[in-house]
């Protein structure tokens, strides 16, 4: 019998909060049961397994991040859109480190296709329309932006930029300016 007040949505949200607190790798059905002070078995009417919980958190994080990015992009184009996208991505990762890690979870193709990852790709391509890129350059640019944003955010969150006097925000702005120049001046080889 399902415990009153517990729903799959509530457990997913609590799992996302737990991921931010203790790290995505530490989120299990057992850890979630302790959070609600219930027996593990009582959660299995809502969740199939810890992997099911992790997938639900990943989908939740992707949706939440897509909503944030979409709001940041509204009415913007060109460099303004690029910066808004990048800043929304970075801010989300800083505010929700466990959810950010969850959003990187490898999903099977069917689950991925039904999730918000598709929206992320569409928004990235929308930004790139302002740079007049055609295929295959557009795909290369999508991959480049994802790599740069994820790489920078991951290194920053791991403390990789704390050893110099140059502020991390200053480097972030420099990188975004450089990406804008690169995308505007892309010429065929």
Protein backbone atom coordinates (compact mmCIF):
# COMPACT_ATOMS: atom_id res chain seq x y z
CA UNK A 1 0.00 0.00 0.00
CA UNK A 2 1.30 3.47 -0.88
CA UNK A 3 2.09 5.75 2.04
CA UNK A 4 -0.23 8.77 2.22
CA UNK A 5 1.34 11.88 0.73
CA UNK A 6 4.10 10.07 -1.14
CA UNK A 7 3.92 10.32 -4.90
CA UNK A 8 6.41 9.57 -7.62
CA UNK A 9 6.66 13.31 -8.34
CA UNK A 10 7.29 14.16 -4.69
CA UNK A 11 9.91 11.43 -4.39
CA UNK A 12 11.62 12.59 -7.57
CA UNK A 13 11.77 16.18 -6.34
CA UNK A 14 13.07 15.02 -2.94
CA UNK A 15 15.65 12.88 -4.74
CA UNK A 16 16.78 15.93 -6.72
CA UNK A 17 17.12 17.92 -3.50
CA UNK A 18 19.06 15.06 -1.95
CA UNK A 19 21.35 14.96 -4.98
CA UNK A 20 22.17 18.64 -4.46
CA UNK A 21 22.92 17.99 -0.79
CA UNK A 22 24.96 14.78 -0.93
CA UNK A 23 25.81 14.27 -4.60
CA UNK A 24 23.94 12.46 -7.32
CA UNK A 25 26.01 9.29 -6.91
CA UNK A 26 24.77 8.97 -3.32
CA UNK A 27 21.07 9.03 -4.18
CA UNK A 28 19.36 5.68 -3.66
CA UNK A 29 15.91 4.49 -2.72
CA UNK A 30 17.33 3.64 0.71
CA UNK A 31 18.66 7.18 1.20
CA UNK A 32 15.31 8.58 0.10
CA UNK A 33 13.45 6.28 2.52
CA UNK A 34 15.61 7.60 5.37
CA UNK A 35 14.74 11.15 4.34
CA UNK A 36 11.02 10.39 4.67
CA UNK A 37 11.52 8.13 7.69
CA UNK A 38 9.78 5.24 5.97
CA UNK A 39 10.75 1.68 5.11
CA UNK A 40 12.40 1.17 1.74
CA UNK A 41 9.65 -1.24 0.71
CA UNK A 42 7.05 1.52 1.00
CA UNK A 43 8.74 3.46 -1.82
CA UNK A 44 8.63 0.58 -4.28
CA UNK A 45 4.98 1.28 -5.03
CA UNK A 46 6.24 4.54 -6.60
CA UNK A 47 9.73 3.62 -7.81
CA UNK A 48 11.05 0.45 -9.43
CA UNK A 49 14.64 0.78 -8.24
CA UNK A 50 17.42 3.22 -7.44
CA UNK A 51 18.17 3.36 -11.18
CA UNK A 52 14.54 4.27 -11.87
CA UNK A 53 14.87 7.07 -9.29
CA UNK A 54 18.12 8.28 -10.88
CA UNK A 55 16.53 8.36 -14.35
CA UNK A 56 13.54 10.29 -12.99
CA UNK A 57 15.88 12.82 -11.34
CA UNK A 58 17.84 13.15 -14.61
CA UNK A 59 14.65 13.83 -16.59
CA UNK A 60 13.47 16.29 -13.92
CA UNK A 61 16.81 18.14 -14.03
CA UNK A 62 16.84 18.28 -17.83
CA UNK A 63 13.31 19.70 -17.85
CA UNK A 64 14.10 22.22 -15.13
CA UNK A 65 17.27 23.34 -16.91
CA UNK A 66 15.48 23.58 -20.27
CA UNK A 67 12.80 25.78 -18.69
CA UNK A 68 15.43 28.04 -17.18
CA UNK A 69 17.36 28.33 -20.43
CA UNK A 70 14.19 28.98 -22.44
CA UNK A 71 13.23 31.81 -20.08
CA UNK A 72 16.72 33.30 -20.36
CA UNK A 73 16.65 33.13 -24.17
CA UNK A 74 13.26 34.78 -24.62
CA UNK A 75 13.60 37.76 -26.95
CA UNK A 76 17.35 37.43 -27.40
CA UNK A 77 19.48 36.79 -30.47
CA UNK A 78 23.13 36.58 -31.45
CA UNK A 79 25.69 37.14 -28.72
CA UNK A 80 23.00 38.12 -26.20
CA UNK A 81 21.35 34.71 -26.71
CA UNK A 82 24.68 32.90 -26.49
CA UNK A 83 25.55 34.61 -23.20
CA UNK A 84 22.05 34.13 -21.76
CA UNK A 85 22.14 30.41 -22.61
CA UNK A 86 25.62 29.95 -21.16
CA UNK A 87 24.87 31.92 -17.99
CA UNK A 88 21.63 30.02 -17.35
CA UNK A 89 23.50 26.73 -17.79
CA UNK A 90 26.34 27.78 -15.47
CA UNK A 91 24.04 29.27 -12.84
CA UNK A 92 21.93 26.10 -12.76
CA UNK A 93 25.03 23.96 -12.26
CA UNK A 94 26.24 26.18 -9.41
CA UNK A 95 22.84 26.27 -7.69
CA UNK A 96 22.03 22.59 -8.23
CA UNK A 97 25.26 20.58 -8.48
CA UNK A 98 23.57 17.22 -7.91
CA UNK A 99 20.84 17.91 -10.43
CA UNK A 100 23.45 19.13 -12.90
CA UNK A 101 25.27 15.81 -12.52
CA UNK A 102 21.96 14.01 -12.96
CA UNK A 103 21.35 15.84 -16.23
CA UNK A 104 24.53 14.21 -17.56
CA UNK A 105 23.21 10.69 -16.89
CA UNK A 106 23.34 8.51 -19.98
CA UNK A 107 19.79 7.61 -20.95
CA UNK A 108 18.60 4.95 -23.35
CA UNK A 109 17.59 6.42 -26.74
CA UNK A 110 13.84 6.08 -26.15
CA UNK A 111 13.96 7.76 -22.74
CA UNK A 112 16.28 10.48 -24.04
CA UNK A 113 14.02 11.20 -27.01
CA UNK A 114 11.05 11.66 -24.67
CA UNK A 115 12.96 13.99 -22.34
CA UNK A 116 13.97 17.63 -22.45
CA UNK A 117 17.37 16.89 -23.99
CA UNK A 118 15.72 17.45 -27.36
CA UNK A 119 14.69 20.95 -26.23
CA UNK A 120 18.30 21.69 -25.24
CA UNK A 121 19.52 20.77 -28.71
CA UNK A 122 16.75 22.83 -30.34
CA UNK A 123 17.60 25.88 -28.22
CA UNK A 124 21.30 25.55 -29.03
CA UNK A 125 20.48 25.36 -32.73
CA UNK A 126 18.19 28.38 -32.37
CA UNK A 127 21.10 30.39 -30.98
CA UNK A 128 23.28 29.28 -33.88
CA UNK A 129 20.77 30.47 -36.48
CA UNK A 130 21.93 33.95 -35.57
CA UNK A 131 25.38 33.00 -36.80
CA UNK A 132 24.28 31.72 -40.24
CA UNK A 133 25.92 28.33 -39.83
CA UNK A 134 24.90 25.49 -42.10
CA UNK A 135 25.46 21.79 -41.70
CA UNK A 136 27.79 20.22 -40.74
CA UNK A 137 29.17 23.37 -39.07
CA UNK A 138 26.00 23.77 -37.02
CA UNK A 139 26.40 20.28 -35.52
CA UNK A 140 30.07 20.95 -34.84
CA UNK A 141 29.11 24.20 -33.09
CA UNK A 142 26.45 22.48 -30.96
CA UNK A 143 29.07 20.00 -29.79
CA UNK A 144 31.66 22.72 -29.22
CA UNK A 145 29.32 24.85 -27.10
CA UNK A 146 28.22 21.87 -25.03
CA UNK A 147 31.81 20.82 -24.50
CA UNK A 148 33.01 24.29 -23.55
CA UNK A 149 30.12 25.00 -21.18
CA UNK A 150 30.26 21.59 -19.50
CA UNK A 151 34.05 21.59 -19.33
CA UNK A 152 34.26 25.05 -17.81
CA UNK A 153 31.46 24.47 -15.33
CA UNK A 154 32.88 21.09 -14.26
CA UNK A 155 36.37 22.47 -13.72
CA UNK A 156 35.05 25.52 -11.91
CA UNK A 157 32.86 23.44 -9.59
CA UNK A 158 35.82 21.17 -8.81
CA UNK A 159 37.86 24.20 -7.70
CA UNK A 160 40.07 24.12 -10.77
CA UNK A 161 40.25 27.89 -11.14
CA UNK A 162 40.85 28.87 -7.53
CA UNK A 163 44.64 28.92 -7.83
CA UNK A 164 45.04 32.17 -9.78
CA UNK A 165 44.31 35.81 -9.11
CA UNK A 166 42.21 36.13 -12.27
CA UNK A 167 38.53 35.94 -11.37
CA UNK A 168 36.64 33.00 -12.83
CA UNK A 169 33.83 35.30 -13.99
CA UNK A 170 36.35 37.34 -15.97
CA UNK A 171 37.54 34.19 -17.74
CA UNK A 172 33.94 33.12 -18.39
CA UNK A 173 33.17 36.46 -20.07
CA UNK A 174 36.38 36.21 -22.12
CA UNK A 175 35.45 32.71 -23.30
CA UNK A 176 31.93 33.79 -24.31
CA UNK A 177 33.32 36.80 -26.19
CA UNK A 178 35.77 34.48 -27.97
CA UNK A 179 33.04 31.99 -28.88
CA UNK A 180 30.93 34.79 -30.31
CA UNK A 181 33.83 36.02 -32.45
CA UNK A 182 34.62 32.50 -33.60
CA UNK A 183 31.01 31.76 -34.57
CA UNK A 184 30.55 35.11 -36.35
CA UNK A 185 33.75 34.71 -38.34
CA UNK A 186 33.55 31.02 -39.18
CA UNK A 187 34.73 30.44 -42.71
CA UNK A 188 34.78 27.23 -44.67
CA UNK A 189 38.19 25.51 -44.69
